[in-house]
């Protein structure tokens, strides 16, 4: 209780108070401005761009990670050879620190990096481009890195959920003539609804908190193409010393995270009730 109140709720309240100030975080006399920071946020095009990037990022990464994680989990539950090796390969990216991965991906997607070199070597020079240096491809690169990193978590949770399915149910489906695809769609997927809702909540909150990969790989550029709420809060608070405005952005971020978590949880309960 002391840790929760002292480190979390006090910090939230303090951030809320700072959000009503025009302050650089150092000067002894911050100027109270009321709700001016919040009205400024509503008129800030970079803020809305960050929100749009967050929504697109969440939808794309969640859908692809869900599909890949489910496919990997199903495959690992079959009699596949070297299953343990494949499990390790899929999960290894999860334990790698973004600070380790960032230089690798920056070099991989650089104009003279390995990806363009491979494309040139196989005669696809027309596809070579500065992947992280142009607005049209920078955000997809960030999404690719995130999918590569976090699909292992989706796989592990789905794999664990599949072990909880009663084998007699699957056997009964096979006796009734259901094929592998029918069994997956009608039995396995509905049984893992709770896991999917939990992954959606984690994905939504993770998208709102995204900072390390876009900051380390693209520095939220070019031209704010990979600007997220986390990177924008950092840029306003630290380099630009707009501490009050950054605090207001943080409060907005907290509110969006709570709303999204409640909506996803409500949607999951509604589906369970209909089921």
C-alpha atoms as a PDB file:
ATOM      1  CA  UNK A   1       0.000   0.000   0.000  1.00  0.00           C
ATOM      2  CA  UNK A   2       2.802   2.433   0.866  1.00  0.00           C
ATOM      3  CA  UNK A   3       4.611   1.709  -2.399  1.00  0.00           C
ATOM      4  CA  UNK A   4       1.429   1.979  -4.480  1.00  0.00           C
ATOM      5  CA  UNK A   5       0.269   5.215  -2.893  1.00  0.00           C
ATOM      6  CA  UNK A   6       3.721   6.746  -2.586  1.00  0.00           C
ATOM      7  CA  UNK A   7       5.209   5.834  -5.942  1.00  0.00           C
ATOM      8  CA  UNK A   8       2.187   5.592  -8.222  1.00  0.00           C
ATOM      9  CA  UNK A   9      -0.798   7.602  -7.047  1.00  0.00           C
ATOM     10  CA  UNK A  10       1.269  10.423  -5.591  1.00  0.00           C
ATOM     11  CA  UNK A  11       3.241  10.622  -8.834  1.00  0.00           C
ATOM     12  CA  UNK A  12       0.027  10.692 -10.866  1.00  0.00           C
ATOM     13  CA  UNK A  13      -1.368  13.477  -8.711  1.00  0.00           C
ATOM     14  CA  UNK A  14       1.881  15.427  -8.886  1.00  0.00           C
ATOM     15  CA  UNK A  15       1.956  15.052 -12.671  1.00  0.00           C
ATOM     16  CA  UNK A  16      -1.618  16.305 -12.832  1.00  0.00           C
ATOM     17  CA  UNK A  17      -0.641  19.393 -10.846  1.00  0.00           C
ATOM     18  CA  UNK A  18       2.380  20.069 -13.069  1.00  0.00           C
ATOM     19  CA  UNK A  19       0.119  19.792 -16.122  1.00  0.00           C
ATOM     20  CA  UNK A  20      -1.579  23.022 -15.012  1.00  0.00           C
ATOM     21  CA  UNK A  21       1.707  24.943 -15.070  1.00  0.00           C
ATOM     22  CA  UNK A  22       3.867  26.675 -17.640  1.00  0.00           C
ATOM     23  CA  UNK A  23       7.195  25.381 -16.340  1.00  0.00           C
ATOM     24  CA  UNK A  24      10.577  24.264 -17.634  1.00  0.00           C
ATOM     25  CA  UNK A  25      11.179  21.994 -14.633  1.00  0.00           C
ATOM     26  CA  UNK A  26      14.002  24.140 -13.216  1.00  0.00           C
ATOM     27  CA  UNK A  27      12.794  27.700 -12.699  1.00  0.00           C
ATOM     28  CA  UNK A  28      11.657  28.421  -9.120  1.00  0.00           C
ATOM     29  CA  UNK A  29       8.478  30.248 -10.146  1.00  0.00           C
ATOM     30  CA  UNK A  30       6.223  28.134 -12.404  1.00  0.00           C
ATOM     31  CA  UNK A  31       3.278  30.013 -13.883  1.00  0.00           C
ATOM     32  CA  UNK A  32      -0.201  28.499 -13.337  1.00  0.00           C
ATOM     33  CA  UNK A  33      -2.075  28.306 -16.644  1.00  0.00           C
ATOM     34  CA  UNK A  34      -5.075  26.161 -15.718  1.00  0.00           C
ATOM     35  CA  UNK A  35      -6.299  24.006 -18.593  1.00  0.00           C
ATOM     36  CA  UNK A  36      -4.331  25.898 -21.259  1.00  0.00           C
ATOM     37  CA  UNK A  37      -1.946  22.971 -21.835  1.00  0.00           C
ATOM     38  CA  UNK A  38      -4.888  20.664 -22.525  1.00  0.00           C
ATOM     39  CA  UNK A  39      -6.531  23.034 -24.989  1.00  0.00           C
ATOM     40  CA  UNK A  40      -3.176  23.366 -26.699  1.00  0.00           C
ATOM     41  CA  UNK A  41      -2.965  19.576 -27.002  1.00  0.00           C
ATOM     42  CA  UNK A  42      -6.306  19.434 -28.786  1.00  0.00           C
ATOM     43  CA  UNK A  43      -4.926  21.850 -31.403  1.00  0.00           C
ATOM     44  CA  UNK A  44      -1.538  20.126 -31.720  1.00  0.00           C
ATOM     45  CA  UNK A  45      -1.190  18.300 -35.083  1.00  0.00           C
ATOM     46  CA  UNK A  46       1.823  16.315 -33.863  1.00  0.00           C
ATOM     47  CA  UNK A  47      -0.235  14.952 -30.958  1.00  0.00           C
ATOM     48  CA  UNK A  48      -2.974  13.745 -33.308  1.00  0.00           C
ATOM     49  CA  UNK A  49      -0.352  12.256 -35.620  1.00  0.00           C
ATOM     50  CA  UNK A  50       1.083  10.359 -32.635  1.00  0.00           C
ATOM     51  CA  UNK A  51      -2.391   9.082 -31.739  1.00  0.00           C
ATOM     52  CA  UNK A  52      -2.958   7.968 -35.331  1.00  0.00           C
ATOM     53  CA  UNK A  53       0.389   6.180 -35.412  1.00  0.00           C
ATOM     54  CA  UNK A  54      -0.451   4.465 -32.125  1.00  0.00           C
ATOM     55  CA  UNK A  55      -3.799   3.177 -33.414  1.00  0.00           C
ATOM     56  CA  UNK A  56      -2.333   1.895 -36.684  1.00  0.00           C
ATOM     57  CA  UNK A  57       0.606   0.392 -34.815  1.00  0.00           C
ATOM     58  CA  UNK A  58      -1.661  -1.458 -32.376  1.00  0.00           C
ATOM     59  CA  UNK A  59      -4.046  -2.844 -35.007  1.00  0.00           C
ATOM     60  CA  UNK A  60      -1.327  -4.085 -37.368  1.00  0.00           C
ATOM     61  CA  UNK A  61       0.998  -5.541 -34.734  1.00  0.00           C
ATOM     62  CA  UNK A  62      -1.810  -7.176 -32.750  1.00  0.00           C
ATOM     63  CA  UNK A  63      -3.388  -8.857 -35.767  1.00  0.00           C
ATOM     64  CA  UNK A  64      -0.102 -10.156 -37.183  1.00  0.00           C
ATOM     65  CA  UNK A  65       1.252 -11.264 -33.799  1.00  0.00           C
ATOM     66  CA  UNK A  66      -2.022 -13.047 -33.051  1.00  0.00           C
ATOM     67  CA  UNK A  67      -1.963 -14.945 -36.334  1.00  0.00           C
ATOM     68  CA  UNK A  68       1.722 -15.847 -36.095  1.00  0.00           C
ATOM     69  CA  UNK A  69       1.527 -16.766 -32.411  1.00  0.00           C
ATOM     70  CA  UNK A  70      -1.489 -19.000 -32.977  1.00  0.00           C
ATOM     71  CA  UNK A  71       0.099 -20.699 -35.996  1.00  0.00           C
ATOM     72  CA  UNK A  72       3.343 -21.336 -34.102  1.00  0.00           C
ATOM     73  CA  UNK A  73       1.428 -22.683 -31.079  1.00  0.00           C
ATOM     74  CA  UNK A  74      -0.594 -25.069 -33.240  1.00  0.00           C
ATOM     75  CA  UNK A  75       2.522 -26.284 -35.046  1.00  0.00           C
ATOM     76  CA  UNK A  76       4.377 -26.877 -31.789  1.00  0.00           C
ATOM     77  CA  UNK A  77       1.506 -29.023 -30.526  1.00  0.00           C
ATOM     78  CA  UNK A  78       1.952 -31.350 -33.492  1.00  0.00           C
ATOM     79  CA  UNK A  79       4.620 -34.013 -33.804  1.00  0.00           C
ATOM     80  CA  UNK A  80       7.139 -31.682 -35.337  1.00  0.00           C
ATOM     81  CA  UNK A  81      10.819 -32.509 -35.159  1.00  0.00           C
ATOM     82  CA  UNK A  82      13.166 -30.227 -33.194  1.00  0.00           C
ATOM     83  CA  UNK A  83      10.189 -28.519 -31.550  1.00  0.00           C
ATOM     84  CA  UNK A  84      12.302 -27.346 -28.603  1.00  0.00           C
ATOM     85  CA  UNK A  85      14.756 -25.633 -30.932  1.00  0.00           C
ATOM     86  CA  UNK A  86      11.946 -23.828 -32.732  1.00  0.00           C
ATOM     87  CA  UNK A  87      10.446 -22.686 -29.427  1.00  0.00           C
ATOM     88  CA  UNK A  88      13.758 -21.158 -28.392  1.00  0.00           C
ATOM     89  CA  UNK A  89      14.191 -19.440 -31.770  1.00  0.00           C
ATOM     90  CA  UNK A  90      10.715 -17.897 -31.582  1.00  0.00           C
ATOM     91  CA  UNK A  91      11.145 -16.714 -27.987  1.00  0.00           C
ATOM     92  CA  UNK A  92      14.740 -15.423 -28.096  1.00  0.00           C
ATOM     93  CA  UNK A  93      13.800 -11.940 -29.475  1.00  0.00           C
ATOM     94  CA  UNK A  94      11.645 -11.339 -26.386  1.00  0.00           C
ATOM     95  CA  UNK A  95      14.649 -11.401 -24.049  1.00  0.00           C
ATOM     96  CA  UNK A  96      16.854  -9.165 -26.205  1.00  0.00           C
ATOM     97  CA  UNK A  97      17.121  -5.554 -25.029  1.00  0.00           C
ATOM     98  CA  UNK A  98      15.989  -2.894 -27.555  1.00  0.00           C
ATOM     99  CA  UNK A  99      19.314  -1.116 -27.081  1.00  0.00           C
ATOM    100  CA  UNK A 100      21.005  -4.233 -28.470  1.00  0.00           C
ATOM    101  CA  UNK A 101      18.615  -4.677 -31.379  1.00  0.00           C
ATOM    102  CA  UNK A 102      18.432  -1.027 -32.460  1.00  0.00           C
ATOM    103  CA  UNK A 103      21.929  -0.712 -33.998  1.00  0.00           C
ATOM    104  CA  UNK A 104      21.398  -3.989 -35.857  1.00  0.00           C
ATOM    105  CA  UNK A 105      18.123  -2.878 -37.399  1.00  0.00           C
ATOM    106  CA  UNK A 106      19.441   0.593 -38.153  1.00  0.00           C
ATOM    107  CA  UNK A 107      22.210  -1.018 -40.182  1.00  0.00           C
ATOM    108  CA  UNK A 108      19.902  -3.617 -41.718  1.00  0.00           C
ATOM    109  CA  UNK A 109      17.467  -0.990 -43.061  1.00  0.00           C
ATOM    110  CA  UNK A 110      20.073   1.659 -43.917  1.00  0.00           C
ATOM    111  CA  UNK A 111      20.385   2.772 -47.585  1.00  0.00           C
ATOM    112  CA  UNK A 112      23.619   0.770 -47.824  1.00  0.00           C
ATOM    113  CA  UNK A 113      22.433  -1.940 -45.432  1.00  0.00           C
ATOM    114  CA  UNK A 114      21.978  -5.667 -45.819  1.00  0.00           C
ATOM    115  CA  UNK A 115      18.348  -5.525 -46.969  1.00  0.00           C
ATOM    116  CA  UNK A 116      19.075  -3.294 -49.953  1.00  0.00           C
ATOM    117  CA  UNK A 117      22.216  -5.315 -50.691  1.00  0.00           C
ATOM    118  CA  UNK A 118      20.178  -8.523 -50.871  1.00  0.00           C
ATOM    119  CA  UNK A 119      17.543  -6.886 -53.061  1.00  0.00           C
ATOM    120  CA  UNK A 120      20.252  -5.646 -55.430  1.00  0.00           C
ATOM    121  CA  UNK A 121      21.943  -9.042 -55.488  1.00  0.00           C
ATOM    122  CA  UNK A 122      18.761 -10.798 -56.633  1.00  0.00           C
ATOM    123  CA  UNK A 123      17.973  -8.187 -59.289  1.00  0.00           C
ATOM    124  CA  UNK A 124      15.365  -6.161 -57.403  1.00  0.00           C
ATOM    125  CA  UNK A 125      17.167  -2.823 -57.455  1.00  0.00           C
ATOM    126  CA  UNK A 126      13.869  -1.025 -58.034  1.00  0.00           C
ATOM    127  CA  UNK A 127      12.760  -2.016 -54.516  1.00  0.00           C
ATOM    128  CA  UNK A 128      15.805  -0.604 -52.738  1.00  0.00           C
ATOM    129  CA  UNK A 129      15.065   2.531 -50.736  1.00  0.00           C
ATOM    130  CA  UNK A 130      15.984   4.341 -47.516  1.00  0.00           C
ATOM    131  CA  UNK A 131      13.632   2.330 -45.338  1.00  0.00           C
ATOM    132  CA  UNK A 132      14.017   4.363 -42.144  1.00  0.00           C
ATOM    133  CA  UNK A 133      14.763   7.624 -43.925  1.00  0.00           C
ATOM    134  CA  UNK A 134      11.377   8.239 -45.565  1.00  0.00           C
ATOM    135  CA  UNK A 135       7.920   8.714 -44.112  1.00  0.00           C
ATOM    136  CA  UNK A 136       6.227   5.991 -46.184  1.00  0.00           C
ATOM    137  CA  UNK A 137       8.307   3.097 -44.812  1.00  0.00           C
ATOM    138  CA  UNK A 138       9.633   4.231 -41.414  1.00  0.00           C
ATOM    139  CA  UNK A 139       6.495   3.266 -39.466  1.00  0.00           C
ATOM    140  CA  UNK A 140       6.179  -0.180 -41.162  1.00  0.00           C
ATOM    141  CA  UNK A 141       9.806  -0.840 -40.200  1.00  0.00           C
ATOM    142  CA  UNK A 142       9.022  -0.055 -36.549  1.00  0.00           C
ATOM    143  CA  UNK A 143       6.013  -2.373 -36.707  1.00  0.00           C
ATOM    144  CA  UNK A 144       8.127  -5.133 -38.258  1.00  0.00           C
ATOM    145  CA  UNK A 145      10.695  -4.880 -35.458  1.00  0.00           C
ATOM    146  CA  UNK A 146       7.968  -4.970 -32.803  1.00  0.00           C
ATOM    147  CA  UNK A 147       6.300  -8.008 -34.373  1.00  0.00           C
ATOM    148  CA  UNK A 148       9.658  -9.779 -34.552  1.00  0.00           C
ATOM    149  CA  UNK A 149      10.334  -8.981 -30.911  1.00  0.00           C
ATOM    150  CA  UNK A 150       6.984  -9.768 -29.267  1.00  0.00           C
ATOM    151  CA  UNK A 151       5.472 -12.617 -31.288  1.00  0.00           C
ATOM    152  CA  UNK A 152       7.248 -14.978 -28.885  1.00  0.00           C
ATOM    153  CA  UNK A 153       5.058 -13.772 -25.999  1.00  0.00           C
ATOM    154  CA  UNK A 154       1.896 -14.360 -28.027  1.00  0.00           C
ATOM    155  CA  UNK A 155       3.162 -17.810 -28.976  1.00  0.00           C
ATOM    156  CA  UNK A 156       3.931 -18.796 -25.364  1.00  0.00           C
ATOM    157  CA  UNK A 157       0.528 -17.673 -24.063  1.00  0.00           C
ATOM    158  CA  UNK A 158      -1.363 -19.437 -26.847  1.00  0.00           C
ATOM    159  CA  UNK A 159       0.767 -22.546 -26.418  1.00  0.00           C
ATOM    160  CA  UNK A 160      -0.019 -22.600 -22.685  1.00  0.00           C
ATOM    161  CA  UNK A 161      -3.724 -21.994 -23.350  1.00  0.00           C
ATOM    162  CA  UNK A 162      -3.868 -24.898 -25.802  1.00  0.00           C
ATOM    163  CA  UNK A 163      -2.529 -27.267 -23.146  1.00  0.00           C
ATOM    164  CA  UNK A 164      -5.636 -26.463 -21.060  1.00  0.00           C
ATOM    165  CA  UNK A 165      -8.057 -27.698 -23.728  1.00  0.00           C
ATOM    166  CA  UNK A 166      -9.588 -31.056 -22.833  1.00  0.00           C
ATOM    167  CA  UNK A 167      -8.081 -33.663 -25.200  1.00  0.00           C
ATOM    168  CA  UNK A 168     -11.387 -35.559 -25.207  1.00  0.00           C
ATOM    169  CA  UNK A 169     -13.052 -32.572 -26.890  1.00  0.00           C
ATOM    170  CA  UNK A 170     -10.500 -32.604 -29.689  1.00  0.00           C
ATOM    171  CA  UNK A 171     -10.800 -36.359 -30.020  1.00  0.00           C
ATOM    172  CA  UNK A 172     -14.595 -36.098 -30.251  1.00  0.00           C
ATOM    173  CA  UNK A 173     -14.234 -33.508 -33.014  1.00  0.00           C
ATOM    174  CA  UNK A 174     -11.962 -35.853 -34.975  1.00  0.00           C
ATOM    175  CA  UNK A 175     -14.413 -38.722 -34.535  1.00  0.00           C
ATOM    176  CA  UNK A 176     -17.184 -36.504 -35.885  1.00  0.00           C
ATOM    177  CA  UNK A 177     -15.080 -35.909 -38.995  1.00  0.00           C
ATOM    178  CA  UNK A 178     -13.803 -32.398 -38.277  1.00  0.00           C
ATOM    179  CA  UNK A 179     -10.552 -31.605 -40.085  1.00  0.00           C
ATOM    180  CA  UNK A 180      -7.622 -29.679 -38.682  1.00  0.00           C
ATOM    181  CA  UNK A 181      -8.858 -26.299 -39.932  1.00  0.00           C
ATOM    182  CA  UNK A 182     -12.396 -26.908 -38.684  1.00  0.00           C
ATOM    183  CA  UNK A 183     -11.072 -27.981 -35.276  1.00  0.00           C
ATOM    184  CA  UNK A 184      -8.897 -24.872 -35.082  1.00  0.00           C
ATOM    185  CA  UNK A 185     -11.695 -22.459 -36.017  1.00  0.00           C
ATOM    186  CA  UNK A 186     -14.583 -24.054 -34.092  1.00  0.00           C
ATOM    187  CA  UNK A 187     -12.904 -25.442 -30.977  1.00  0.00           C
ATOM    188  CA  UNK A 188      -9.350 -24.226 -30.348  1.00  0.00           C
ATOM    189  CA  UNK A 189      -9.842 -20.547 -31.226  1.00  0.00           C
ATOM    190  CA  UNK A 190     -13.037 -20.052 -29.133  1.00  0.00           C
ATOM    191  CA  UNK A 191     -11.411 -21.798 -26.173  1.00  0.00           C
ATOM    192  CA  UNK A 192      -8.591 -19.244 -26.201  1.00  0.00           C
ATOM    193  CA  UNK A 193     -10.842 -16.190 -26.207  1.00  0.00           C
ATOM    194  CA  UNK A 194      -9.693 -15.105 -22.757  1.00  0.00           C
ATOM    195  CA  UNK A 195      -6.055 -15.284 -23.822  1.00  0.00           C
ATOM    196  CA  UNK A 196      -6.807 -13.209 -26.914  1.00  0.00           C
ATOM    197  CA  UNK A 197      -8.527 -10.509 -24.837  1.00  0.00           C
ATOM    198  CA  UNK A 198      -5.579 -10.425 -22.438  1.00  0.00           C
ATOM    199  CA  UNK A 199      -3.161 -10.096 -25.356  1.00  0.00           C
ATOM    200  CA  UNK A 200      -5.293  -7.291 -26.826  1.00  0.00           C
ATOM    201  CA  UNK A 201      -5.155  -5.401 -23.523  1.00  0.00           C
ATOM    202  CA  UNK A 202      -1.405  -5.879 -23.247  1.00  0.00           C
ATOM    203  CA  UNK A 203      -0.948  -4.863 -26.880  1.00  0.00           C
ATOM    204  CA  UNK A 204      -3.054  -1.726 -26.517  1.00  0.00           C
ATOM    205  CA  UNK A 205      -1.256  -0.564 -23.392  1.00  0.00           C
ATOM    206  CA  UNK A 206       2.095  -1.493 -24.923  1.00  0.00           C
ATOM    207  CA  UNK A 207       1.289   0.554 -28.041  1.00  0.00           C
ATOM    208  CA  UNK A 208       0.467   3.566 -25.893  1.00  0.00           C
ATOM    209  CA  UNK A 209       3.757   3.169 -24.007  1.00  0.00           C
ATOM    210  CA  UNK A 210       5.887   2.577 -27.116  1.00  0.00           C
ATOM    211  CA  UNK A 211       9.104   4.528 -26.845  1.00  0.00           C
ATOM    212  CA  UNK A 212      12.330   2.551 -27.046  1.00  0.00           C
ATOM    213  CA  UNK A 213      12.191   1.081 -30.569  1.00  0.00           C
ATOM    214  CA  UNK A 214      11.071   4.229 -32.478  1.00  0.00           C
ATOM    215  CA  UNK A 215      13.408   6.440 -30.437  1.00  0.00           C
ATOM    216  CA  UNK A 216      16.450   4.205 -30.826  1.00  0.00           C
ATOM    217  CA  UNK A 217      15.889   3.279 -34.471  1.00  0.00           C
ATOM    218  CA  UNK A 218      14.420   6.409 -36.082  1.00  0.00           C
ATOM    219  CA  UNK A 219      14.451   9.044 -33.288  1.00  0.00           C
ATOM    220  CA  UNK A 220      10.701   9.433 -33.983  1.00  0.00           C
ATOM    221  CA  UNK A 221      11.447  10.651 -37.515  1.00  0.00           C
ATOM    222  CA  UNK A 222      11.607  11.394 -40.295  1.00  0.00           C
ATOM    223  CA  UNK A 223       9.185  14.314 -40.180  1.00  0.00           C
ATOM    224  CA  UNK A 224       7.390  12.806 -37.133  1.00  0.00           C
ATOM    225  CA  UNK A 225       6.551   9.690 -39.171  1.00  0.00           C
ATOM    226  CA  UNK A 226       7.267   7.431 -36.170  1.00  0.00           C
ATOM    227  CA  UNK A 227       6.220   9.844 -33.445  1.00  0.00           C
ATOM    228  CA  UNK A 228       4.329   8.080 -30.644  1.00  0.00           C
ATOM    229  CA  UNK A 229       2.864   9.499 -27.474  1.00  0.00           C
ATOM    230  CA  UNK A 230       5.844   8.246 -25.456  1.00  0.00           C
ATOM    231  CA  UNK A 231       8.437   9.807 -27.743  1.00  0.00           C
ATOM    232  CA  UNK A 232       6.467  13.048 -27.977  1.00  0.00           C
ATOM    233  CA  UNK A 233       6.181  13.307 -24.187  1.00  0.00           C
ATOM    234  CA  UNK A 234       9.923  12.768 -23.842  1.00  0.00           C
ATOM    235  CA  UNK A 235      10.757  15.310 -26.539  1.00  0.00           C
ATOM    236  CA  UNK A 236       8.514  17.987 -25.049  1.00  0.00           C
ATOM    237  CA  UNK A 237       9.662  17.350 -21.464  1.00  0.00           C
ATOM    238  CA  UNK A 238      13.428  16.809 -21.753  1.00  0.00           C
ATOM    239  CA  UNK A 239      14.953  18.373 -24.909  1.00  0.00           C
ATOM    240  CA  UNK A 240      12.412  21.213 -25.197  1.00  0.00           C
ATOM    241  CA  UNK A 241      11.929  21.708 -21.406  1.00  0.00           C
ATOM    242  CA  UNK A 242       8.152  22.059 -21.736  1.00  0.00           C
ATOM    243  CA  UNK A 243       7.551  20.152 -18.512  1.00  0.00           C
ATOM    244  CA  UNK A 244       3.995  21.364 -17.973  1.00  0.00           C
ATOM    245  CA  UNK A 245       2.969  20.470 -21.513  1.00  0.00           C
ATOM    246  CA  UNK A 246       4.686  17.093 -21.231  1.00  0.00           C
ATOM    247  CA  UNK A 247       2.838  16.422 -17.975  1.00  0.00           C
ATOM    248  CA  UNK A 248      -0.483  17.240 -19.665  1.00  0.00           C
ATOM    249  CA  UNK A 249       0.394  14.797 -22.442  1.00  0.00           C
ATOM    250  CA  UNK A 250       1.172  12.177 -19.788  1.00  0.00           C
ATOM    251  CA  UNK A 251      -2.225  12.673 -18.156  1.00  0.00           C
ATOM    252  CA  UNK A 252      -3.917  12.324 -21.542  1.00  0.00           C
ATOM    253  CA  UNK A 253      -1.917   9.140 -22.165  1.00  0.00           C
ATOM    254  CA  UNK A 254      -3.006   7.691 -18.824  1.00  0.00           C
ATOM    255  CA  UNK A 255      -6.645   8.468 -19.571  1.00  0.00           C
ATOM    256  CA  UNK A 256      -6.499   6.840 -23.009  1.00  0.00           C
ATOM    257  CA  UNK A 257      -4.819   3.743 -21.543  1.00  0.00           C
ATOM    258  CA  UNK A 258      -7.501   3.346 -18.879  1.00  0.00           C
ATOM    259  CA  UNK A 259     -10.327   3.810 -21.384  1.00  0.00           C
ATOM    260  CA  UNK A 260      -8.840   1.292 -23.820  1.00  0.00           C
ATOM    261  CA  UNK A 261      -8.265  -1.269 -21.057  1.00  0.00           C
ATOM    262  CA  UNK A 262     -11.843  -0.917 -19.809  1.00  0.00           C
ATOM    263  CA  UNK A 263     -13.301  -1.165 -23.326  1.00  0.00           C
ATOM    264  CA  UNK A 264     -11.292  -4.290 -24.161  1.00  0.00           C
ATOM    265  CA  UNK A 265     -12.220  -5.903 -20.860  1.00  0.00           C
ATOM    266  CA  UNK A 266     -15.897  -5.076 -21.393  1.00  0.00           C
ATOM    267  CA  UNK A 267     -15.772  -6.462 -24.938  1.00  0.00           C
ATOM    268  CA  UNK A 268     -14.217  -9.680 -23.618  1.00  0.00           C
ATOM    269  CA  UNK A 269     -16.941 -10.098 -21.009  1.00  0.00           C
ATOM    270  CA  UNK A 270     -19.657  -9.484 -23.583  1.00  0.00           C
ATOM    271  CA  UNK A 271     -18.220 -12.182 -25.845  1.00  0.00           C
ATOM    272  CA  UNK A 272     -17.990 -14.622 -22.947  1.00  0.00           C
ATOM    273  CA  UNK A 273     -21.614 -13.880 -22.033  1.00  0.00           C
ATOM    274  CA  UNK A 274     -22.746 -14.527 -25.617  1.00  0.00           C
ATOM    275  CA  UNK A 275     -20.617 -17.667 -25.711  1.00  0.00           C
END
